[in-house]
């Protein structure tokens, strides 16, 4: 079952922690997506005991590698019914990564413009917003996800919906939001 947004925007939706990972902190994670033409905007909200997370310090905006190995927010975008998809990683540091896939995990780096990551942080809340341009047509399916690293280096995996088995945001079962 997919969450369907018949308009070009959805409300904040709670992400679920993968049952095999433990967040190591009292956390709640939410995400939101909207679309205007080829632009997809996302907003993530982390709420709770953020002091127990390893969040990277601010850095100059730039592409970076292996962001998923630490705390980052992720966006997967595909055209409804098509195997190709893009993955975007947004770090609270302001760094990002983008990948293009022709099919399940078949692909590589994608050059994109600066997604304009904006981060607002308070003691118990962090919000991250970003915007990417895609040319996938009208009906999109999205995976809204996050990887969070706690103070001991343990990762927890958050998504709208998790596929069976180990955490795998690339699995099409994780593309749980339809955005017109």
N, C-alpha and C. Protein backbone atom coordinates (compact mmCIF):
# COMPACT_ATOMS: atom_id res chain seq x y z
N UNK A 1 0.84 -1.18 0.00
CA UNK A 1 0.00 0.00 0.00
C UNK A 1 0.88 1.24 0.00
N UNK A 2 0.53 2.20 -0.82
CA UNK A 2 1.29 3.44 -0.93
C UNK A 2 0.52 4.58 -0.29
N UNK A 3 1.28 5.55 0.20
CA UNK A 3 0.68 6.81 0.62
C UNK A 3 0.53 7.63 -0.64
N UNK A 4 -0.66 8.11 -0.90
CA UNK A 4 -0.91 8.82 -2.15
C UNK A 4 -1.21 10.29 -1.86
N UNK A 5 -0.51 11.15 -2.57
CA UNK A 5 -0.78 12.58 -2.50
C UNK A 5 -1.33 12.96 -3.86
N UNK A 6 -2.63 13.20 -3.93
CA UNK A 6 -3.23 13.52 -5.22
C UNK A 6 -2.88 14.93 -5.67
N UNK A 7 -2.46 15.77 -4.73
CA UNK A 7 -2.01 17.11 -5.11
C UNK A 7 -0.51 17.04 -5.34
N UNK A 8 0.12 18.16 -5.40
CA UNK A 8 1.56 18.19 -5.61
C UNK A 8 2.31 18.38 -4.30
N UNK A 9 1.66 18.11 -3.18
CA UNK A 9 2.29 18.27 -1.87
C UNK A 9 1.68 17.29 -0.89
N UNK A 10 2.44 16.90 0.11
CA UNK A 10 1.90 16.05 1.16
C UNK A 10 2.24 16.66 2.51
N UNK A 11 1.46 16.29 3.52
CA UNK A 11 1.73 16.74 4.88
C UNK A 11 2.94 16.03 5.44
N UNK A 12 3.43 16.49 6.58
CA UNK A 12 4.51 15.77 7.26
C UNK A 12 4.03 14.37 7.58
N UNK A 13 4.84 13.38 7.25
CA UNK A 13 4.50 11.98 7.45
C UNK A 13 5.57 11.38 8.36
N UNK A 14 5.15 10.60 9.34
CA UNK A 14 6.10 9.95 10.25
C UNK A 14 6.84 8.83 9.53
N UNK A 15 8.15 8.80 9.70
CA UNK A 15 8.95 7.69 9.20
C UNK A 15 9.08 6.66 10.31
N UNK A 16 9.16 5.39 9.94
CA UNK A 16 9.28 4.30 10.90
C UNK A 16 10.73 3.83 10.96
N UNK A 17 11.17 3.52 12.15
CA UNK A 17 12.52 2.96 12.32
C UNK A 17 12.48 1.48 11.93
N UNK A 18 13.48 1.03 11.19
CA UNK A 18 13.55 -0.38 10.80
C UNK A 18 13.57 -1.24 12.06
N UNK A 19 12.81 -2.34 12.08
CA UNK A 19 12.73 -3.16 13.30
C UNK A 19 14.06 -3.76 13.75
N UNK A 20 15.03 -3.90 12.86
CA UNK A 20 16.33 -4.48 13.23
C UNK A 20 17.34 -3.43 13.68
N UNK A 21 16.96 -2.16 13.64
CA UNK A 21 17.90 -1.13 14.10
C UNK A 21 17.27 -0.39 15.26
N UNK A 22 18.12 0.05 16.16
CA UNK A 22 17.65 0.80 17.33
C UNK A 22 18.22 2.20 17.27
N UNK A 23 17.37 3.19 17.46
CA UNK A 23 17.87 4.56 17.33
C UNK A 23 18.83 5.00 18.43
N UNK A 24 18.85 4.33 19.58
CA UNK A 24 19.78 4.71 20.64
C UNK A 24 19.42 6.03 21.29
N UNK A 25 18.30 6.60 20.93
CA UNK A 25 17.84 7.87 21.51
C UNK A 25 16.33 7.94 21.32
N UNK A 26 15.71 8.77 22.13
CA UNK A 26 14.28 9.03 21.99
C UNK A 26 14.09 9.94 20.78
N UNK A 27 13.68 9.36 19.63
CA UNK A 27 13.59 10.13 18.40
C UNK A 27 12.27 9.91 17.68
N UNK A 28 11.87 10.93 16.95
CA UNK A 28 10.79 10.82 15.97
C UNK A 28 11.30 11.51 14.71
N UNK A 29 10.99 10.91 13.56
CA UNK A 29 11.45 11.44 12.29
C UNK A 29 10.25 11.61 11.38
N UNK A 30 10.16 12.77 10.73
CA UNK A 30 9.07 13.08 9.82
C UNK A 30 9.65 13.57 8.50
N UNK A 31 8.86 13.43 7.44
CA UNK A 31 9.29 13.92 6.13
C UNK A 31 8.09 14.46 5.37
N UNK A 32 8.37 15.32 4.41
CA UNK A 32 7.35 15.94 3.59
C UNK A 32 7.94 16.16 2.20
N UNK A 33 7.10 16.04 1.17
CA UNK A 33 7.55 16.29 -0.20
C UNK A 33 6.51 17.12 -0.93
N UNK A 34 6.99 17.94 -1.85
CA UNK A 34 6.10 18.71 -2.72
C UNK A 34 6.76 18.83 -4.08
N UNK A 35 5.94 19.17 -5.06
CA UNK A 35 6.45 19.24 -6.43
C UNK A 35 5.92 20.47 -7.13
N UNK A 36 6.80 21.09 -7.91
CA UNK A 36 6.42 22.19 -8.77
C UNK A 36 7.20 22.01 -10.07
N UNK A 37 6.53 21.56 -11.12
CA UNK A 37 7.22 21.26 -12.37
C UNK A 37 8.24 20.17 -12.15
N UNK A 38 9.48 20.38 -12.61
CA UNK A 38 10.50 19.34 -12.41
C UNK A 38 11.15 19.38 -11.02
N UNK A 39 10.78 20.35 -10.20
CA UNK A 39 11.40 20.49 -8.87
C UNK A 39 10.64 19.68 -7.82
N UNK A 40 11.38 18.92 -7.06
CA UNK A 40 10.83 18.20 -5.91
C UNK A 40 11.51 18.76 -4.67
N UNK A 41 10.70 19.26 -3.76
CA UNK A 41 11.20 19.81 -2.50
C UNK A 41 10.89 18.81 -1.39
N UNK A 42 11.85 18.63 -0.51
CA UNK A 42 11.65 17.75 0.64
C UNK A 42 12.02 18.48 1.91
N UNK A 43 11.36 18.07 2.97
CA UNK A 43 11.67 18.61 4.30
C UNK A 43 11.64 17.44 5.27
N UNK A 44 12.66 17.37 6.10
CA UNK A 44 12.77 16.33 7.12
C UNK A 44 12.80 17.02 8.48
N UNK A 45 12.19 16.38 9.45
CA UNK A 45 12.18 16.92 10.81
C UNK A 45 12.57 15.81 11.77
N UNK A 46 13.65 16.03 12.51
CA UNK A 46 14.10 15.10 13.56
C UNK A 46 13.74 15.73 14.89
N UNK A 47 13.05 14.98 15.72
CA UNK A 47 12.62 15.52 17.00
C UNK A 47 12.98 14.54 18.11
N UNK A 48 13.48 15.08 19.23
CA UNK A 48 13.80 14.25 20.38
C UNK A 48 15.17 14.58 20.93
N UNK A 49 15.82 13.56 21.47
CA UNK A 49 17.11 13.72 22.14
C UNK A 49 18.24 13.76 21.11
N UNK A 50 18.37 14.89 20.43
CA UNK A 50 19.36 15.03 19.36
C UNK A 50 20.80 15.03 19.88
N UNK A 51 20.98 15.32 21.16
CA UNK A 51 22.33 15.32 21.73
C UNK A 51 22.96 13.93 21.70
N UNK A 52 22.15 12.90 21.58
CA UNK A 52 22.67 11.52 21.53
C UNK A 52 23.00 11.07 20.12
N UNK A 53 22.81 11.96 19.14
CA UNK A 53 23.14 11.64 17.75
C UNK A 53 24.48 12.25 17.36
N UNK A 54 25.14 11.62 16.41
CA UNK A 54 26.32 12.21 15.78
C UNK A 54 25.84 12.95 14.55
N UNK A 55 25.78 14.24 14.67
CA UNK A 55 25.39 15.08 13.54
C UNK A 55 26.62 15.85 13.07
N UNK A 56 26.90 15.82 11.77
CA UNK A 56 28.10 16.50 11.29
C UNK A 56 28.00 18.01 11.43
N UNK A 57 29.13 18.66 11.65
CA UNK A 57 29.11 20.13 11.74
C UNK A 57 28.87 20.74 10.36
N UNK A 58 28.43 22.00 10.32
CA UNK A 58 28.22 22.67 9.03
C UNK A 58 29.52 22.75 8.24
N UNK A 59 29.39 22.56 6.94
CA UNK A 59 30.52 22.66 6.01
C UNK A 59 30.06 23.46 4.80
N UNK A 60 30.98 23.91 3.98
CA UNK A 60 30.56 24.58 2.75
C UNK A 60 29.75 23.61 1.88
N UNK A 61 28.68 24.08 1.23
CA UNK A 61 27.89 23.20 0.37
C UNK A 61 28.77 22.61 -0.74
N UNK A 62 28.71 21.28 -0.89
CA UNK A 62 29.49 20.61 -1.92
C UNK A 62 29.06 19.16 -2.01
N UNK A 63 29.33 18.52 -3.15
CA UNK A 63 29.08 17.08 -3.25
C UNK A 63 30.05 16.33 -2.35
N UNK A 64 29.61 15.22 -1.80
CA UNK A 64 30.45 14.39 -0.92
C UNK A 64 30.07 12.93 -1.14
N UNK A 65 30.93 12.04 -0.72
CA UNK A 65 30.69 10.61 -0.90
C UNK A 65 30.36 9.93 0.42
N UNK A 66 29.67 8.82 0.32
CA UNK A 66 29.38 7.92 1.43
C UNK A 66 28.62 8.60 2.59
N UNK A 67 27.77 9.53 2.27
CA UNK A 67 27.01 10.22 3.31
C UNK A 67 26.10 9.26 4.06
N UNK A 68 25.65 8.19 3.40
CA UNK A 68 24.74 7.22 4.03
C UNK A 68 25.41 6.43 5.15
N UNK A 69 26.72 6.55 5.30
CA UNK A 69 27.41 5.84 6.38
C UNK A 69 27.32 6.59 7.70
N UNK A 70 26.71 7.76 7.69
CA UNK A 70 26.54 8.57 8.89
C UNK A 70 25.13 9.17 8.85
N UNK A 71 24.87 10.17 9.64
CA UNK A 71 23.54 10.79 9.65
C UNK A 71 23.29 11.56 8.36
N UNK A 72 22.23 11.18 7.65
CA UNK A 72 21.81 11.92 6.46
C UNK A 72 20.36 11.60 6.14
N UNK A 73 19.75 12.47 5.40
CA UNK A 73 18.39 12.26 4.91
C UNK A 73 18.50 11.84 3.45
N UNK A 74 17.58 10.96 3.03
CA UNK A 74 17.67 10.43 1.68
C UNK A 74 16.34 10.55 0.96
N UNK A 75 16.43 10.72 -0.34
CA UNK A 75 15.26 10.81 -1.21
C UNK A 75 15.50 9.90 -2.40
N UNK A 76 14.55 9.03 -2.68
CA UNK A 76 14.57 8.19 -3.86
C UNK A 76 13.39 8.60 -4.72
N UNK A 77 13.63 8.79 -6.02
CA UNK A 77 12.58 9.24 -6.95
C UNK A 77 12.59 8.35 -8.18
N UNK A 78 11.39 7.89 -8.57
CA UNK A 78 11.23 7.11 -9.79
C UNK A 78 9.94 7.52 -10.47
N UNK A 79 9.87 7.25 -11.74
CA UNK A 79 8.62 7.41 -12.47
C UNK A 79 7.79 6.16 -12.24
N UNK A 80 6.51 6.36 -11.99
CA UNK A 80 5.61 5.24 -11.73
C UNK A 80 5.77 4.17 -12.82
N UNK A 81 6.05 2.92 -12.40
CA UNK A 81 6.10 1.80 -13.32
C UNK A 81 7.41 1.63 -14.08
N UNK A 82 8.40 2.48 -13.83
CA UNK A 82 9.67 2.40 -14.55
C UNK A 82 10.78 1.96 -13.60
N UNK A 83 11.75 1.18 -14.10
CA UNK A 83 12.81 0.68 -13.21
C UNK A 83 13.87 1.72 -12.83
N UNK A 84 14.06 2.74 -13.66
CA UNK A 84 15.10 3.74 -13.38
C UNK A 84 14.68 4.62 -12.21
N UNK A 85 15.68 5.06 -11.44
CA UNK A 85 15.41 5.94 -10.31
C UNK A 85 16.66 6.74 -9.96
N UNK A 86 16.46 7.79 -9.17
CA UNK A 86 17.56 8.60 -8.66
C UNK A 86 17.54 8.52 -7.13
N UNK A 87 18.73 8.62 -6.57
CA UNK A 87 18.90 8.69 -5.11
C UNK A 87 19.63 9.98 -4.79
N UNK A 88 19.13 10.68 -3.76
CA UNK A 88 19.76 11.90 -3.28
C UNK A 88 20.02 11.76 -1.79
N UNK A 89 21.21 12.12 -1.36
CA UNK A 89 21.58 12.13 0.05
C UNK A 89 21.82 13.58 0.46
N UNK A 90 21.22 13.97 1.59
CA UNK A 90 21.36 15.33 2.10
C UNK A 90 21.88 15.25 3.53
N UNK A 91 23.05 15.79 3.76
CA UNK A 91 23.63 15.77 5.10
C UNK A 91 23.31 17.06 5.84
N UNK A 92 23.11 16.96 7.16
CA UNK A 92 22.95 18.18 7.95
C UNK A 92 24.17 19.11 7.85
N UNK A 93 25.29 18.60 7.34
CA UNK A 93 26.48 19.43 7.15
C UNK A 93 26.31 20.42 6.00
N UNK A 94 25.34 20.15 5.11
CA UNK A 94 25.16 20.95 3.90
C UNK A 94 25.70 20.25 2.67
N UNK A 95 26.34 19.11 2.86
CA UNK A 95 26.88 18.33 1.74
C UNK A 95 25.77 17.45 1.15
N UNK A 96 25.98 17.01 -0.08
CA UNK A 96 24.99 16.16 -0.74
C UNK A 96 25.68 15.17 -1.68
N UNK A 97 24.89 14.18 -2.10
CA UNK A 97 25.32 13.22 -3.12
C UNK A 97 24.10 12.86 -3.95
N UNK A 98 24.34 12.49 -5.21
CA UNK A 98 23.25 12.09 -6.10
C UNK A 98 23.72 10.93 -6.96
N UNK A 99 22.79 10.01 -7.23
CA UNK A 99 23.08 8.81 -8.00
C UNK A 99 21.93 8.54 -8.96
N UNK A 100 22.26 8.03 -10.15
CA UNK A 100 21.26 7.63 -11.13
C UNK A 100 21.37 6.12 -11.32
N UNK A 101 20.24 5.44 -11.29
CA UNK A 101 20.20 3.99 -11.45
C UNK A 101 19.27 3.64 -12.60
N UNK A 102 19.68 2.70 -13.43
CA UNK A 102 18.83 2.22 -14.52
C UNK A 102 17.90 1.12 -14.04
N UNK A 103 18.28 0.45 -12.96
CA UNK A 103 17.49 -0.61 -12.34
C UNK A 103 18.02 -0.77 -10.92
N UNK A 104 17.50 -1.74 -10.18
CA UNK A 104 17.87 -1.94 -8.78
C UNK A 104 19.39 -1.96 -8.59
N UNK A 105 19.91 -0.92 -7.94
CA UNK A 105 21.32 -0.75 -7.61
C UNK A 105 22.27 -0.81 -8.81
N UNK A 106 21.77 -0.57 -10.00
CA UNK A 106 22.58 -0.57 -11.21
C UNK A 106 22.77 0.87 -11.68
N UNK A 107 23.88 1.48 -11.31
CA UNK A 107 24.11 2.86 -11.71
C UNK A 107 25.31 3.45 -11.04
N UNK A 108 25.34 4.77 -10.99
CA UNK A 108 26.48 5.45 -10.40
C UNK A 108 26.19 6.92 -10.14
N UNK A 109 27.24 7.69 -9.89
CA UNK A 109 27.08 9.10 -9.52
C UNK A 109 26.32 9.90 -10.58
N UNK A 110 25.61 10.90 -10.11
CA UNK A 110 24.84 11.81 -10.95
C UNK A 110 25.25 13.22 -10.57
N UNK A 111 25.64 14.01 -11.56
CA UNK A 111 25.99 15.41 -11.30
C UNK A 111 24.70 16.22 -11.20
N UNK A 112 24.55 16.94 -10.12
CA UNK A 112 23.37 17.79 -9.93
C UNK A 112 23.80 19.14 -9.40
N UNK A 113 22.91 20.10 -9.56
CA UNK A 113 23.15 21.42 -8.99
C UNK A 113 22.99 21.33 -7.47
N UNK A 114 23.58 22.28 -6.81
CA UNK A 114 23.45 22.41 -5.35
C UNK A 114 21.97 22.36 -4.99
N UNK A 115 21.55 21.40 -4.16
CA UNK A 115 20.13 21.30 -3.79
C UNK A 115 19.70 22.34 -2.76
N UNK A 116 20.58 23.26 -2.40
CA UNK A 116 20.22 24.33 -1.48
C UNK A 116 19.78 23.83 -0.13
N UNK A 117 20.53 22.94 0.45
CA UNK A 117 20.18 22.37 1.75
C UNK A 117 20.14 23.48 2.79
N UNK A 118 19.02 23.52 3.50
CA UNK A 118 18.85 24.49 4.58
C UNK A 118 18.58 23.71 5.86
N UNK A 119 19.32 24.03 6.91
CA UNK A 119 19.18 23.31 8.18
C UNK A 119 18.88 24.32 9.28
N UNK A 120 17.88 24.00 10.07
CA UNK A 120 17.57 24.78 11.27
C UNK A 120 17.62 23.81 12.44
N UNK A 121 18.42 24.14 13.44
CA UNK A 121 18.59 23.24 14.57
C UNK A 121 18.31 23.95 15.88
N UNK A 122 17.65 23.23 16.76
CA UNK A 122 17.41 23.66 18.13
C UNK A 122 17.79 22.49 19.02
N UNK A 123 17.60 22.65 20.31
CA UNK A 123 18.02 21.60 21.25
C UNK A 123 17.35 20.25 20.96
N UNK A 124 16.06 20.25 20.67
CA UNK A 124 15.33 18.98 20.48
C UNK A 124 14.69 18.84 19.10
N UNK A 125 15.11 19.68 18.14
CA UNK A 125 14.52 19.58 16.81
C UNK A 125 15.51 20.05 15.76
N UNK A 126 15.59 19.28 14.67
CA UNK A 126 16.42 19.66 13.54
C UNK A 126 15.54 19.53 12.29
N UNK A 127 15.53 20.56 11.48
CA UNK A 127 14.81 20.51 10.21
C UNK A 127 15.79 20.69 9.07
N UNK A 128 15.65 19.86 8.05
CA UNK A 128 16.49 19.92 6.87
C UNK A 128 15.57 20.00 5.66
N UNK A 129 15.83 20.96 4.78
CA UNK A 129 15.05 21.11 3.54
C UNK A 129 16.02 21.12 2.37
N UNK A 130 15.55 20.59 1.23
CA UNK A 130 16.36 20.57 0.01
C UNK A 130 15.43 20.54 -1.19
N UNK A 131 15.98 20.86 -2.36
CA UNK A 131 15.20 20.86 -3.59
C UNK A 131 16.06 20.30 -4.72
N UNK A 132 15.49 19.35 -5.49
CA UNK A 132 16.19 18.77 -6.63
C UNK A 132 15.29 18.86 -7.86
N UNK A 133 15.91 18.85 -9.02
CA UNK A 133 15.17 18.85 -10.29
C UNK A 133 15.29 17.47 -10.93
N UNK A 134 14.14 16.94 -11.36
CA UNK A 134 14.12 15.64 -12.04
C UNK A 134 13.21 15.74 -13.26
N UNK A 135 13.50 14.95 -14.25
CA UNK A 135 12.69 14.93 -15.46
C UNK A 135 12.08 13.54 -15.62
N UNK A 136 11.26 13.15 -14.67
CA UNK A 136 10.68 11.81 -14.68
C UNK A 136 9.22 11.78 -15.10
N UNK A 137 8.65 12.89 -15.51
CA UNK A 137 7.25 12.86 -15.92
C UNK A 137 6.30 13.20 -14.79
N UNK A 138 5.03 12.90 -15.01
CA UNK A 138 3.98 13.33 -14.10
C UNK A 138 3.87 12.50 -12.82
N UNK A 139 3.72 11.21 -12.93
CA UNK A 139 3.48 10.36 -11.75
C UNK A 139 4.81 9.89 -11.16
N UNK A 140 5.12 10.36 -9.98
CA UNK A 140 6.36 9.98 -9.31
C UNK A 140 6.06 9.11 -8.10
N UNK A 141 6.97 8.19 -7.83
CA UNK A 141 6.95 7.46 -6.56
C UNK A 141 8.24 7.81 -5.84
N UNK A 142 8.10 8.10 -4.54
CA UNK A 142 9.23 8.56 -3.75
C UNK A 142 9.49 7.64 -2.57
N UNK A 143 10.73 7.54 -2.22
CA UNK A 143 11.14 6.95 -0.96
C UNK A 143 11.73 8.06 -0.11
N UNK A 144 11.11 8.34 1.01
CA UNK A 144 11.62 9.35 1.96
C UNK A 144 12.24 8.58 3.11
N UNK A 145 13.53 8.78 3.35
CA UNK A 145 14.28 7.95 4.28
C UNK A 145 15.30 8.79 5.05
N UNK A 146 15.84 8.19 6.10
CA UNK A 146 16.93 8.82 6.86
C UNK A 146 17.78 7.74 7.50
N UNK A 147 19.05 8.01 7.60
CA UNK A 147 20.00 7.19 8.34
C UNK A 147 20.50 8.08 9.47
N UNK A 148 20.40 7.58 10.69
CA UNK A 148 20.85 8.37 11.84
C UNK A 148 21.90 7.59 12.62
N UNK A 149 22.99 8.28 12.95
CA UNK A 149 24.10 7.66 13.69
C UNK A 149 24.06 8.16 15.12
N UNK A 150 24.10 7.21 16.06
CA UNK A 150 24.10 7.62 17.46
C UNK A 150 25.54 7.83 17.94
N UNK A 151 25.69 8.23 19.19
CA UNK A 151 27.00 8.55 19.75
C UNK A 151 27.98 7.38 19.77
N UNK A 152 27.48 6.15 19.71
CA UNK A 152 28.33 4.96 19.68
C UNK A 152 28.60 4.48 18.26
N UNK A 153 28.15 5.23 17.26
CA UNK A 153 28.39 4.86 15.87
C UNK A 153 27.37 3.87 15.30
N UNK A 154 26.32 3.55 16.06
CA UNK A 154 25.28 2.65 15.56
C UNK A 154 24.34 3.43 14.65
N UNK A 155 23.93 2.79 13.57
CA UNK A 155 23.03 3.42 12.62
C UNK A 155 21.60 2.92 12.81
N UNK A 156 20.65 3.83 12.70
CA UNK A 156 19.24 3.45 12.64
C UNK A 156 18.72 3.91 11.29
N UNK A 157 17.78 3.13 10.75
CA UNK A 157 17.27 3.35 9.41
C UNK A 157 15.78 3.67 9.47
N UNK A 158 15.40 4.79 8.88
CA UNK A 158 14.03 5.30 8.95
C UNK A 158 13.47 5.44 7.55
N UNK A 159 12.20 5.04 7.36
CA UNK A 159 11.57 5.14 6.04
C UNK A 159 10.06 5.17 6.19
N UNK A 160 9.39 5.62 5.13
CA UNK A 160 7.93 5.56 5.10
C UNK A 160 7.47 4.11 5.25
N UNK A 161 8.16 3.23 4.54
CA UNK A 161 7.88 1.80 4.63
C UNK A 161 9.17 1.05 4.35
N UNK A 162 9.39 -0.04 5.09
CA UNK A 162 10.58 -0.86 4.90
C UNK A 162 10.22 -2.13 4.15
N UNK A 163 11.09 -2.54 3.25
CA UNK A 163 10.96 -3.82 2.57
C UNK A 163 11.29 -4.93 3.56
N UNK A 164 10.83 -6.14 3.31
CA UNK A 164 11.19 -7.26 4.21
C UNK A 164 12.71 -7.46 4.24
N UNK A 165 13.22 -7.95 5.35
CA UNK A 165 14.65 -8.22 5.49
C UNK A 165 15.42 -7.04 6.02
N UNK A 166 16.71 -7.03 5.70
CA UNK A 166 17.59 -5.97 6.20
C UNK A 166 17.20 -4.62 5.59
N UNK A 167 17.62 -3.51 6.21
CA UNK A 167 17.29 -2.20 5.67
C UNK A 167 17.78 -2.06 4.23
N UNK A 168 16.88 -1.63 3.33
CA UNK A 168 17.22 -1.49 1.91
C UNK A 168 16.32 -0.43 1.29
N UNK A 169 16.76 0.81 1.30
CA UNK A 169 15.97 1.90 0.75
C UNK A 169 15.82 1.80 -0.77
N UNK A 170 16.70 1.04 -1.44
CA UNK A 170 16.63 0.89 -2.90
C UNK A 170 15.50 -0.05 -3.33
N UNK A 171 15.02 -0.87 -2.43
CA UNK A 171 13.94 -1.82 -2.76
C UNK A 171 12.67 -1.02 -3.07
N UNK A 172 11.98 -1.40 -4.14
CA UNK A 172 10.81 -0.63 -4.56
C UNK A 172 9.69 -0.60 -3.52
N UNK A 173 9.66 -1.53 -2.58
CA UNK A 173 8.66 -1.45 -1.51
C UNK A 173 8.85 -0.20 -0.66
N UNK A 174 10.07 0.36 -0.67
CA UNK A 174 10.35 1.57 0.11
C UNK A 174 9.89 2.85 -0.59
N UNK A 175 9.59 2.76 -1.89
CA UNK A 175 9.10 3.92 -2.63
C UNK A 175 7.59 4.00 -2.36
N UNK A 176 7.25 4.54 -1.21
CA UNK A 176 5.88 4.41 -0.70
C UNK A 176 5.02 5.65 -0.85
N UNK A 177 5.52 6.68 -1.50
CA UNK A 177 4.74 7.92 -1.64
C UNK A 177 4.54 8.21 -3.13
N UNK A 178 3.29 8.32 -3.54
CA UNK A 178 2.99 8.73 -4.90
C UNK A 178 2.72 10.23 -4.90
N UNK A 179 3.42 10.92 -5.79
CA UNK A 179 3.28 12.37 -5.86
C UNK A 179 2.93 12.75 -7.29
N UNK A 180 1.77 13.36 -7.47
CA UNK A 180 1.30 13.73 -8.81
C UNK A 180 2.10 14.90 -9.35
